C-alpha atoms as a PDB file:
ATOM      1  CA  MET A   1      29.222  72.789 -71.049  1.00  0.00           C
ATOM      2  CA  ARG A   2      30.764  69.497 -69.690  1.00  0.00           C
ATOM      3  CA  THR A   3      28.479  66.730 -68.716  1.00  0.00           C
ATOM      4  CA  SER A   4      29.764  64.317 -66.054  1.00  0.00           C
ATOM      5  CA  THR A   5      29.496  60.582 -66.778  1.00  0.00           C
ATOM      6  CA  PRO A   6      27.288  58.799 -64.231  1.00  0.00           C
ATOM      7  CA  SER A   7      29.243  56.410 -61.994  1.00  0.00           C
ATOM      8  CA  PHE A   8      28.343  52.748 -61.352  1.00  0.00           C
ATOM      9  CA  SER A   9      27.210  53.573 -57.838  1.00  0.00           C
ATOM     10  CA  ASP A  10      24.801  56.149 -59.210  1.00  0.00           C
ATOM     11  CA  LEU A  11      23.380  53.551 -61.561  1.00  0.00           C
ATOM     12  CA  ILE A  12      22.960  51.036 -58.738  1.00  0.00           C
ATOM     13  CA  LYS A  13      21.054  53.539 -56.697  1.00  0.00           C
ATOM     14  CA  ASN A  14      18.551  53.865 -59.512  1.00  0.00           C
ATOM     15  CA  PRO A  15      16.178  50.847 -59.379  1.00  0.00           C
ATOM     16  CA  ILE A  16      15.225  51.026 -63.030  1.00  0.00           C
ATOM     17  CA  ALA A  17      18.841  51.170 -64.118  1.00  0.00           C
ATOM     18  CA  THR A  18      19.669  48.216 -61.869  1.00  0.00           C
ATOM     19  CA  ILE A  19      16.875  46.104 -63.354  1.00  0.00           C
ATOM     20  CA  VAL A  20      17.945  46.998 -66.903  1.00  0.00           C
ATOM     21  CA  ILE A  21      21.556  46.033 -66.185  1.00  0.00           C
ATOM     22  CA  LEU A  22      20.530  42.686 -64.649  1.00  0.00           C
ATOM     23  CA  LEU A  23      18.292  41.901 -67.605  1.00  0.00           C
ATOM     24  CA  ALA A  24      21.099  42.743 -70.002  1.00  0.00           C
ATOM     25  CA  ILE A  25      23.519  40.487 -68.145  1.00  0.00           C
ATOM     26  CA  SER A  26      20.964  37.667 -68.086  1.00  0.00           C
ATOM     27  CA  LEU A  27      20.296  38.011 -71.826  1.00  0.00           C
ATOM     28  CA  SER A  28      23.995  38.061 -72.575  1.00  0.00           C
ATOM     29  CA  PHE A  29      24.361  34.705 -70.786  1.00  0.00           C
ATOM     30  CA  LEU A  30      21.711  33.244 -73.022  1.00  0.00           C
ATOM     31  CA  PHE A  31      23.632  34.062 -76.177  1.00  0.00           C
ATOM     32  CA  LEU A  32      27.061  33.041 -74.917  1.00  0.00           C
ATOM     33  CA  PRO A  33      28.597  29.760 -76.124  1.00  0.00           C
ATOM     34  CA  PRO A  34      27.877  26.840 -73.752  1.00  0.00           C
ATOM     35  CA  GLU A  35      31.536  26.340 -72.817  1.00  0.00           C
ATOM     36  CA  LEU A  36      31.995  29.995 -71.882  1.00  0.00           C
ATOM     37  CA  SER A  37      28.666  30.064 -70.065  1.00  0.00           C
ATOM     38  CA  ASN A  38      29.602  26.984 -68.012  1.00  0.00           C
ATOM     39  CA  ARG A  39      32.986  28.468 -67.096  1.00  0.00           C
ATOM     40  CA  ILE A  40      31.339  31.683 -65.933  1.00  0.00           C
ATOM     41  CA  LYS A  41      28.841  29.647 -63.872  1.00  0.00           C
ATOM     42  CA  MET A  42      31.631  27.578 -62.282  1.00  0.00           C
ATOM     43  CA  THR A  43      33.604  30.745 -61.558  1.00  0.00           C
ATOM     44  CA  CYS A  44      30.598  32.279 -59.810  1.00  0.00           C
ATOM     45  CA  VAL A  45      29.735  29.078 -57.934  1.00  0.00           C
ATOM     46  CA  VAL A  46      33.196  28.358 -56.494  1.00  0.00           C
ATOM     47  CA  PRO A  47      33.210  31.291 -54.000  1.00  0.00           C
ATOM     48  CA  VAL A  48      29.694  30.351 -52.876  1.00  0.00           C
ATOM     49  CA  ARG A  49      30.410  26.645 -52.311  1.00  0.00           C
ATOM     50  CA  PRO A  50      31.876  27.035 -48.794  1.00  0.00           C
ATOM     51  CA  LEU A  51      28.787  28.995 -47.809  1.00  0.00           C
ATOM     52  CA  GLN A  52      26.540  26.322 -49.304  1.00  0.00           C
ATOM     53  CA  TRP A  53      28.471  23.574 -47.520  1.00  0.00           C
ATOM     54  CA  ALA A  54      28.329  25.461 -44.218  1.00  0.00           C
ATOM     55  CA  THR A  55      24.606  26.072 -44.668  1.00  0.00           C
ATOM     56  CA  CYS A  56      23.938  22.393 -45.419  1.00  0.00           C
ATOM     57  CA  PHE A  57      26.125  21.278 -42.516  1.00  0.00           C
ATOM     58  CA  CYS A  58      24.375  23.605 -40.059  1.00  0.00           C
ATOM     59  CA  SER A  59      20.979  22.561 -41.364  1.00  0.00           C
ATOM     60  CA  ASN A  60      21.773  18.855 -41.038  1.00  0.00           C
ATOM     61  CA  SER A  61      23.292  19.355 -37.588  1.00  0.00           C
ATOM     62  CA  ALA A  62      20.274  21.327 -36.453  1.00  0.00           C
ATOM     63  CA  ASN A  63      17.925  18.652 -37.794  1.00  0.00           C
ATOM     64  CA  ASN A  64      19.916  15.876 -36.088  1.00  0.00           C
ATOM     65  CA  PHE A  65      19.971  17.815 -32.818  1.00  0.00           C
ATOM     66  CA  LEU A  66      16.244  18.471 -32.925  1.00  0.00           C
ATOM     67  CA  ASP A  67      15.591  14.821 -33.790  1.00  0.00           C
ATOM     68  CA  LYS A  68      17.674  13.701 -30.807  1.00  0.00           C
ATOM     69  CA  VAL A  69      15.946  16.175 -28.487  1.00  0.00           C
ATOM     70  CA  PHE A  70      12.490  15.106 -29.657  1.00  0.00           C
ATOM     71  CA  SER A  71      13.443  11.434 -29.561  1.00  0.00           C
ATOM     72  CA  GLY A  72      14.845  11.803 -26.028  1.00  0.00           C
ATOM     73  CA  TRP A  73      11.714  13.610 -24.837  1.00  0.00           C
ATOM     74  CA  ARG A  74       9.488  10.999 -26.457  1.00  0.00           C
ATOM     75  CA  ASN A  75      11.500   8.125 -24.945  1.00  0.00           C
ATOM     76  CA  ALA A  76      11.392   9.772 -21.508  1.00  0.00           C
ATOM     77  CA  HIS A  77       7.628  10.237 -21.801  1.00  0.00           C
ATOM     78  CA  VAL A  78       7.115   6.634 -22.887  1.00  0.00           C
ATOM     79  CA  LYS A  79       9.413   5.414 -20.089  1.00  0.00           C
ATOM     80  CA  LYS A  80       7.461   7.397 -17.514  1.00  0.00           C
ATOM     81  CA  GLN A  81       4.181   5.952 -18.774  1.00  0.00           C
ATOM     82  CA  LEU A  82       5.590   2.405 -18.650  1.00  0.00           C
ATOM     83  CA  GLU A  83       6.933   2.949 -15.122  1.00  0.00           C
ATOM     84  CA  GLU A  84       3.516   4.205 -13.992  1.00  0.00           C
ATOM     85  CA  GLN A  85       1.845   1.160 -15.542  1.00  0.00           C
ATOM     86  CA  VAL A  86       4.339  -1.195 -13.881  1.00  0.00           C
ATOM     87  CA  SER A  87       3.789   0.524 -10.515  1.00  0.00           C
ATOM     88  CA  HIS A  88       0.013   0.247 -10.980  1.00  0.00           C
ATOM     89  CA  PHE A  89       0.254  -3.469 -11.797  1.00  0.00           C
ATOM     90  CA  LYS A  90       2.539  -4.066  -8.805  1.00  0.00           C
ATOM     91  CA  ASN A  91      -0.001  -2.399  -6.516  1.00  0.00           C
ATOM     92  CA  LYS A  92      -2.767  -4.544  -7.995  1.00  0.00           C
ATOM     93  CA  ILE A  93      -0.687  -7.682  -7.433  1.00  0.00           C
ATOM     94  CA  LEU A  94      -0.074  -6.680  -3.796  1.00  0.00           C
ATOM     95  CA  GLU A  95      -3.793  -6.061  -3.298  1.00  0.00           C
ATOM     96  CA  GLN A  96      -4.631  -9.458  -4.769  1.00  0.00           C
ATOM     97  CA  GLN A  97      -1.971 -11.182  -2.658  1.00  0.00           C
ATOM     98  CA  ASP A  98      -3.301  -9.466   0.487  1.00  0.00           C
ATOM     99  CA  ALA A  99      -6.867 -10.478  -0.374  1.00  0.00           C
ATOM    100  CA  ILE A 100      -5.775 -14.081  -0.998  1.00  0.00           C
ATOM    101  CA  TYR A 101      -3.872 -14.151   2.299  1.00  0.00           C
ATOM    102  CA  LYS A 102      -6.925 -12.880   4.208  1.00  0.00           C
ATOM    103  CA  LEU A 103      -9.228 -15.438   2.593  1.00  0.00           C
ATOM    104  CA  GLN A 104      -6.778 -18.277   3.260  1.00  0.00           C
ATOM    105  CA  SER A 105      -6.368 -17.137   6.868  1.00  0.00           C
ATOM    106  CA  LYS A 106     -10.144 -16.999   7.379  1.00  0.00           C
ATOM    107  CA  LEU A 107     -10.606 -20.443   5.846  1.00  0.00           C
ATOM    108  CA  TYR A 108      -7.837 -21.891   8.013  1.00  0.00           C
ATOM    109  CA  THR A 109      -9.284 -20.284  11.164  1.00  0.00           C
ATOM    110  CA  ILE A 110     -12.783 -21.644  10.496  1.00  0.00           C
ATOM    111  CA  SER A 111     -11.486 -25.114   9.600  1.00  0.00           C
ATOM    112  CA  LYS A 112      -9.289 -25.244  12.684  1.00  0.00           C
ATOM    113  CA  PHE A 113     -12.089 -24.131  14.995  1.00  0.00           C
ATOM    114  CA  GLN A 114     -14.573 -26.632  13.581  1.00  0.00           C
ATOM    115  CA  ALA A 115     -12.000 -29.436  13.768  1.00  0.00           C
ATOM    116  CA  GLU A 116     -11.087 -28.726  17.408  1.00  0.00           C
ATOM    117  CA  ASN A 117     -14.524 -27.791  18.729  1.00  0.00           C
ATOM    118  CA  LYS A 118     -17.661 -29.875  18.486  1.00  0.00           C
ATOM    119  CA  SER A 119     -20.009 -27.186  19.818  1.00  0.00           C
ATOM    120  CA  LYS A 120     -23.228 -26.318  18.027  1.00  0.00           C
ATOM    121  CA  THR A 121     -22.307 -22.645  17.769  1.00  0.00           C
ATOM    122  CA  LYS A 122     -21.910 -21.254  14.261  1.00  0.00           C
ATOM    123  CA  PRO A 123     -18.635 -19.374  13.646  1.00  0.00           C
ATOM    124  CA  LEU A 124     -19.155 -16.120  11.743  1.00  0.00           C
ATOM    125  CA  PRO A 125     -15.967 -14.593  10.227  1.00  0.00           C
ATOM    126  CA  ALA A 126     -15.570 -10.835  10.666  1.00  0.00           C
ATOM    127  CA  ASP A 127     -12.854  -8.275   9.960  1.00  0.00           C
ATOM    128  CA  ILE A 128     -11.574  -5.849  12.574  1.00  0.00           C
ATOM    129  CA  ILE A 129     -12.496  -2.309  11.511  1.00  0.00           C
ATOM    130  CA  GLY A 130     -11.655  -0.352  14.654  1.00  0.00           C
ATOM    131  CA  TYR A 131      -9.701  -0.353  17.921  1.00  0.00           C
ATOM    132  CA  ASP A 132     -10.265   1.334  21.237  1.00  0.00           C
ATOM    133  CA  SER A 133      -8.849   4.854  20.966  1.00  0.00           C
ATOM    134  CA  LEU A 134      -7.381   4.765  24.478  1.00  0.00           C
ATOM    135  CA  ALA A 135      -3.749   3.911  25.186  1.00  0.00           C
ATOM    136  CA  PHE A 136      -4.508   0.259  25.903  1.00  0.00           C
ATOM    137  CA  ARG A 137      -6.710  -1.709  23.537  1.00  0.00           C
ATOM    138  CA  LYS A 138      -9.603  -2.989  25.605  1.00  0.00           C
ATOM    139  CA  SER A 139     -12.169  -3.295  22.816  1.00  0.00           C
ATOM    140  CA  ILE A 140     -12.349  -3.732  19.064  1.00  0.00           C
ATOM    141  CA  THR A 141     -15.033  -3.142  16.448  1.00  0.00           C
ATOM    142  CA  VAL A 142     -15.757  -5.771  13.793  1.00  0.00           C
ATOM    143  CA  ASN A 143     -17.888  -5.640  10.652  1.00  0.00           C
ATOM    144  CA  ALA A 144     -20.565  -8.093  11.807  1.00  0.00           C
ATOM    145  CA  GLY A 145     -23.764  -6.993  13.499  1.00  0.00           C
ATOM    146  CA  SER A 146     -27.412  -7.784  14.041  1.00  0.00           C
ATOM    147  CA  ASN A 147     -27.931  -8.035  10.282  1.00  0.00           C
ATOM    148  CA  HIS A 148     -25.617 -11.061  10.390  1.00  0.00           C
ATOM    149  CA  GLY A 149     -27.230 -12.658  13.459  1.00  0.00           C
ATOM    150  CA  VAL A 150     -24.818 -11.256  16.059  1.00  0.00           C
ATOM    151  CA  LYS A 151     -26.206 -10.643  19.545  1.00  0.00           C
ATOM    152  CA  PRO A 152     -24.798  -9.201  22.777  1.00  0.00           C
ATOM    153  CA  ASN A 153     -22.711 -11.678  24.805  1.00  0.00           C
ATOM    154  CA  ASP A 154     -21.750 -13.726  21.746  1.00  0.00           C
ATOM    155  CA  ILE A 155     -18.254 -15.135  22.197  1.00  0.00           C
ATOM    156  CA  VAL A 156     -15.399 -13.980  19.950  1.00  0.00           C
ATOM    157  CA  VAL A 157     -12.327 -16.074  19.161  1.00  0.00           C
ATOM    158  CA  SER A 158      -9.233 -15.847  16.980  1.00  0.00           C
ATOM    159  CA  ASN A 159      -6.797 -18.639  16.141  1.00  0.00           C
ATOM    160  CA  ASN A 160      -9.038 -20.913  18.213  1.00  0.00           C
ATOM    161  CA  ALA A 161      -8.371 -18.827  21.347  1.00  0.00           C
ATOM    162  CA  LEU A 162     -10.846 -16.714  23.327  1.00  0.00           C
ATOM    163  CA  ILE A 163     -10.321 -12.971  22.915  1.00  0.00           C
ATOM    164  CA  GLY A 164     -13.576 -11.471  24.241  1.00  0.00           C
ATOM    165  CA  LYS A 165     -17.328 -11.112  23.970  1.00  0.00           C
ATOM    166  CA  VAL A 166     -19.777  -8.858  22.134  1.00  0.00           C
ATOM    167  CA  VAL A 167     -21.065  -5.961  24.274  1.00  0.00           C
ATOM    168  CA  LEU A 168     -22.663  -3.564  21.750  1.00  0.00           C
ATOM    169  CA  VAL A 169     -24.418  -4.432  18.490  1.00  0.00           C
ATOM    170  CA  SER A 170     -25.594  -2.340  15.548  1.00  0.00           C
ATOM    171  CA  GLY A 171     -26.901  -3.379  12.148  1.00  0.00           C
ATOM    172  CA  GLY A 172     -23.550  -3.863  10.416  1.00  0.00           C
ATOM    173  CA  SER A 173     -20.995  -3.946  13.233  1.00  0.00           C
ATOM    174  CA  CYS A 174     -20.432  -4.739  16.894  1.00  0.00           C
ATOM    175  CA  VAL A 175     -18.069  -3.837  19.720  1.00  0.00           C
ATOM    176  CA  VAL A 176     -16.078  -6.649  21.320  1.00  0.00           C
ATOM    177  CA  GLN A 177     -14.859  -6.346  24.897  1.00  0.00           C
ATOM    178  CA  LEU A 178     -11.397  -7.917  25.034  1.00  0.00           C
ATOM    179  CA  ILE A 179     -10.178 -10.193  27.781  1.00  0.00           C
ATOM    180  CA  THR A 180      -7.598  -7.500  28.657  1.00  0.00           C
ATOM    181  CA  ASP A 181     -10.361  -5.040  29.637  1.00  0.00           C
ATOM    182  CA  PRO A 182     -10.381  -4.434  33.436  1.00  0.00           C
ATOM    183  CA  ALA A 183     -14.141  -5.092  33.440  1.00  0.00           C
ATOM    184  CA  SER A 184     -13.659  -8.517  31.835  1.00  0.00           C
ATOM    185  CA  ARG A 185     -13.862 -11.524  34.158  1.00  0.00           C
ATOM    186  CA  ILE A 186     -13.859 -14.997  32.635  1.00  0.00           C
ATOM    187  CA  PRO A 187     -14.192 -18.292  34.539  1.00  0.00           C
ATOM    188  CA  GLY A 188     -11.246 -20.473  33.652  1.00  0.00           C
ATOM    189  CA  ARG A 189      -9.258 -23.494  34.610  1.00  0.00           C
ATOM    190  CA  VAL A 190      -5.538 -24.269  34.775  1.00  0.00           C
ATOM    191  CA  LEU A 191      -5.141 -27.094  32.303  1.00  0.00           C
ATOM    192  CA  GLN A 192      -2.235 -28.804  34.103  1.00  0.00           C
ATOM    193  CA  THR A 193      -3.464 -28.522  37.724  1.00  0.00           C
ATOM    194  CA  ARG A 194      -7.241 -28.248  37.110  1.00  0.00           C
ATOM    195  CA  GLU A 195      -7.473 -25.257  39.465  1.00  0.00           C
ATOM    196  CA  GLN A 196     -10.547 -23.058  38.974  1.00  0.00           C
ATOM    197  CA  VAL A 197      -9.556 -19.402  38.367  1.00  0.00           C
ATOM    198  CA  ILE A 198     -10.961 -16.089  37.190  1.00  0.00           C
ATOM    199  CA  VAL A 199      -9.142 -14.414  34.283  1.00  0.00           C
ATOM    200  CA  GLU A 200      -9.293 -10.661  34.776  1.00  0.00           C
ATOM    201  CA  GLY A 201      -8.033  -7.883  32.468  1.00  0.00           C
ATOM    202  CA  ASN A 202      -5.751  -5.108  33.721  1.00  0.00           C
ATOM    203  CA  ALA A 203      -5.706  -2.667  30.755  1.00  0.00           C
ATOM    204  CA  THR A 204      -2.315  -3.877  29.538  1.00  0.00           C
ATOM    205  CA  GLY A 205      -1.242  -6.571  27.118  1.00  0.00           C
ATOM    206  CA  PHE A 206      -1.485  -9.062  30.022  1.00  0.00           C
ATOM    207  CA  CYS A 207      -4.193 -10.454  32.288  1.00  0.00           C
ATOM    208  CA  GLN A 208      -4.133 -11.717  35.858  1.00  0.00           C
ATOM    209  CA  LEU A 209      -5.623 -14.707  37.623  1.00  0.00           C
ATOM    210  CA  LYS A 210      -7.852 -14.117  40.609  1.00  0.00           C
ATOM    211  CA  TYR A 211      -8.468 -16.474  43.512  1.00  0.00           C
ATOM    212  CA  VAL A 212      -5.582 -18.864  42.900  1.00  0.00           C
ATOM    213  CA  PRO A 213      -4.834 -20.560  46.282  1.00  0.00           C
ATOM    214  CA  ARG A 214      -1.311 -19.982  47.568  1.00  0.00           C
ATOM    215  CA  TRP A 215      -0.707 -23.739  47.704  1.00  0.00           C
ATOM    216  CA  ALA A 216      -1.644 -24.281  44.018  1.00  0.00           C
ATOM    217  CA  LYS A 217       1.367 -25.586  42.095  1.00  0.00           C
ATOM    218  CA  LEU A 218       1.304 -23.207  39.133  1.00  0.00           C
ATOM    219  CA  LYS A 219       4.412 -22.641  37.070  1.00  0.00           C
ATOM    220  CA  LYS A 220       5.487 -20.622  34.075  1.00  0.00           C
ATOM    221  CA  GLY A 221       4.083 -22.067  30.848  1.00  0.00           C
ATOM    222  CA  ASP A 222       0.874 -23.516  32.331  1.00  0.00           C
ATOM    223  CA  ASP A 223      -2.152 -23.061  30.072  1.00  0.00           C
ATOM    224  CA  ILE A 224      -5.397 -21.361  31.063  1.00  0.00           C
ATOM    225  CA  ILE A 225      -8.576 -22.516  29.332  1.00  0.00           C
ATOM    226  CA  SER A 226     -12.200 -21.433  29.600  1.00  0.00           C
ATOM    227  CA  SER A 227     -14.562 -23.138  32.017  1.00  0.00           C
ATOM    228  CA  ASP A 228     -18.249 -23.863  31.447  1.00  0.00           C
ATOM    229  CA  ILE A 229     -19.121 -22.914  35.017  1.00  0.00           C
ATOM    230  CA  GLY A 230     -22.147 -20.617  34.778  1.00  0.00           C
ATOM    231  CA  GLY A 231     -22.869 -21.849  31.259  1.00  0.00           C
ATOM    232  CA  PHE A 232     -21.843 -18.599  29.640  1.00  0.00           C
ATOM    233  CA  TYR A 233     -18.542 -19.508  27.950  1.00  0.00           C
ATOM    234  CA  PRO A 234     -17.935 -22.703  25.968  1.00  0.00           C
ATOM    235  CA  PRO A 235     -15.462 -24.979  27.754  1.00  0.00           C
ATOM    236  CA  SER A 236     -11.840 -25.675  26.882  1.00  0.00           C
ATOM    237  CA  LEU A 237     -11.134 -22.588  24.774  1.00  0.00           C
ATOM    238  CA  PRO A 238      -7.476 -21.535  25.174  1.00  0.00           C
ATOM    239  CA  ILE A 239      -7.201 -18.144  26.875  1.00  0.00           C
ATOM    240  CA  ALA A 240      -3.696 -17.431  28.179  1.00  0.00           C
ATOM    241  CA  THR A 241      -0.362 -18.796  29.378  1.00  0.00           C
ATOM    242  CA  VAL A 242       1.168 -18.286  32.823  1.00  0.00           C
ATOM    243  CA  VAL A 243       4.262 -16.064  32.666  1.00  0.00           C
ATOM    244  CA  GLU A 244       4.801 -15.147  36.327  1.00  0.00           C
ATOM    245  CA  THR A 245       3.655 -16.317  39.778  1.00  0.00           C
ATOM    246  CA  GLU A 246       4.251 -14.720  43.173  1.00  0.00           C
ATOM    247  CA  VAL A 247       3.134 -15.435  46.739  1.00  0.00           C
ATOM    248  CA  LYS A 248       3.178 -12.347  48.956  1.00  0.00           C
ATOM    249  CA  GLY A 249       3.501 -12.661  52.756  1.00  0.00           C
ATOM    250  CA  GLY A 250       0.442 -14.172  54.373  1.00  0.00           C
ATOM    251  CA  ASP A 251      -1.883 -13.669  51.380  1.00  0.00           C
ATOM    252  CA  LEU A 252      -4.350 -16.477  50.813  1.00  0.00           C
ATOM    253  CA  PHE A 253      -4.057 -16.201  47.039  1.00  0.00           C
ATOM    254  CA  GLN A 254      -1.189 -16.076  44.598  1.00  0.00           C
ATOM    255  CA  SER A 255      -0.490 -13.168  42.245  1.00  0.00           C
ATOM    256  CA  VAL A 256      -0.398 -14.735  38.808  1.00  0.00           C
ATOM    257  CA  LYS A 257       0.359 -12.875  35.573  1.00  0.00           C
ATOM    258  CA  VAL A 258      -0.748 -14.476  32.304  1.00  0.00           C
ATOM    259  CA  LEU A 259      -0.237 -13.624  28.639  1.00  0.00           C
ATOM    260  CA  PRO A 260      -3.204 -13.979  26.251  1.00  0.00           C
ATOM    261  CA  LYS A 261      -2.789 -16.633  23.575  1.00  0.00           C
ATOM    262  CA  VAL A 262      -3.550 -14.090  20.843  1.00  0.00           C
ATOM    263  CA  ASN A 263      -1.729 -10.822  20.250  1.00  0.00           C
ATOM    264  CA  ILE A 264      -4.714  -8.575  19.545  1.00  0.00           C
ATOM    265  CA  SER A 265      -2.578  -5.922  17.837  1.00  0.00           C
ATOM    266  CA  LYS A 266      -1.590  -8.370  15.075  1.00  0.00           C
ATOM    267  CA  ILE A 267      -4.861 -10.043  14.144  1.00  0.00           C
ATOM    268  CA  GLU A 268      -7.040  -8.794  11.249  1.00  0.00           C
ATOM    269  CA  HIS A 269     -10.146 -10.931  11.591  1.00  0.00           C
ATOM    270  CA  VAL A 270     -12.030 -12.938  14.214  1.00  0.00           C
ATOM    271  CA  LEU A 271     -14.784 -15.503  14.550  1.00  0.00           C
ATOM    272  CA  VAL A 272     -18.014 -14.531  16.281  1.00  0.00           C
ATOM    273  CA  LEU A 273     -19.705 -17.598  17.789  1.00  0.00           C
ATOM    274  CA  THR A 274     -23.377 -16.926  17.157  1.00  0.00           C
ATOM    275  CA  LYS A 275     -25.974 -19.003  18.986  1.00  0.00           C
END
């Protein structure tokens, strides 16, 4: 009976046979002469070298790519943090500059008022914290009240010019009726002609003069100042400037339009003249 010789593939399929063959090959390498062993090693290594080189190249490329990606992300994160810090510092600088400007403006306003007025009234600086909600600004709210010695009818000025009087007072704030309010009537005098007038608001950015005789020689640019008639307002406070005069028909009085010395919409603080 013929017995077939097992093929190499059959041996490979058998795990025990495979292990025995590998051990035999390994042992044979141990007993080979060094020169022959080195040649066999070189022969086996040469076909694998391109694969090793490709593997190393891909590994290094991948590492470099990942390093660049991580470095770029880290730099972007650091840059964003620095930009946020710079923006924060810029905002702080602007806040400090604004605070310095306000303090300098208040100091200048108080110094100017005290230098140009010898009255016994005490100027109290206050910031504007609210405006009339109607279309025309006829009153403002400031952060000075009865806790600071403010009382109704105290006079309010800005840039050494009259802008109104206190009408309502609470503990920490008060409401100031502006000279542009239709209910505001202030005794005044034309500086150049010495005519006595009444400055009346008309709910716009302008005021009008009441009871100016038709023969009074008013002209554009004349100054209107406060009068002490009645003893309510301190004298000689600038109020407005004449911008337009008109005599209508047989009217006994002129129609005179004046512009307040202070643009209320641009000021940030005032002086309350407490008594």
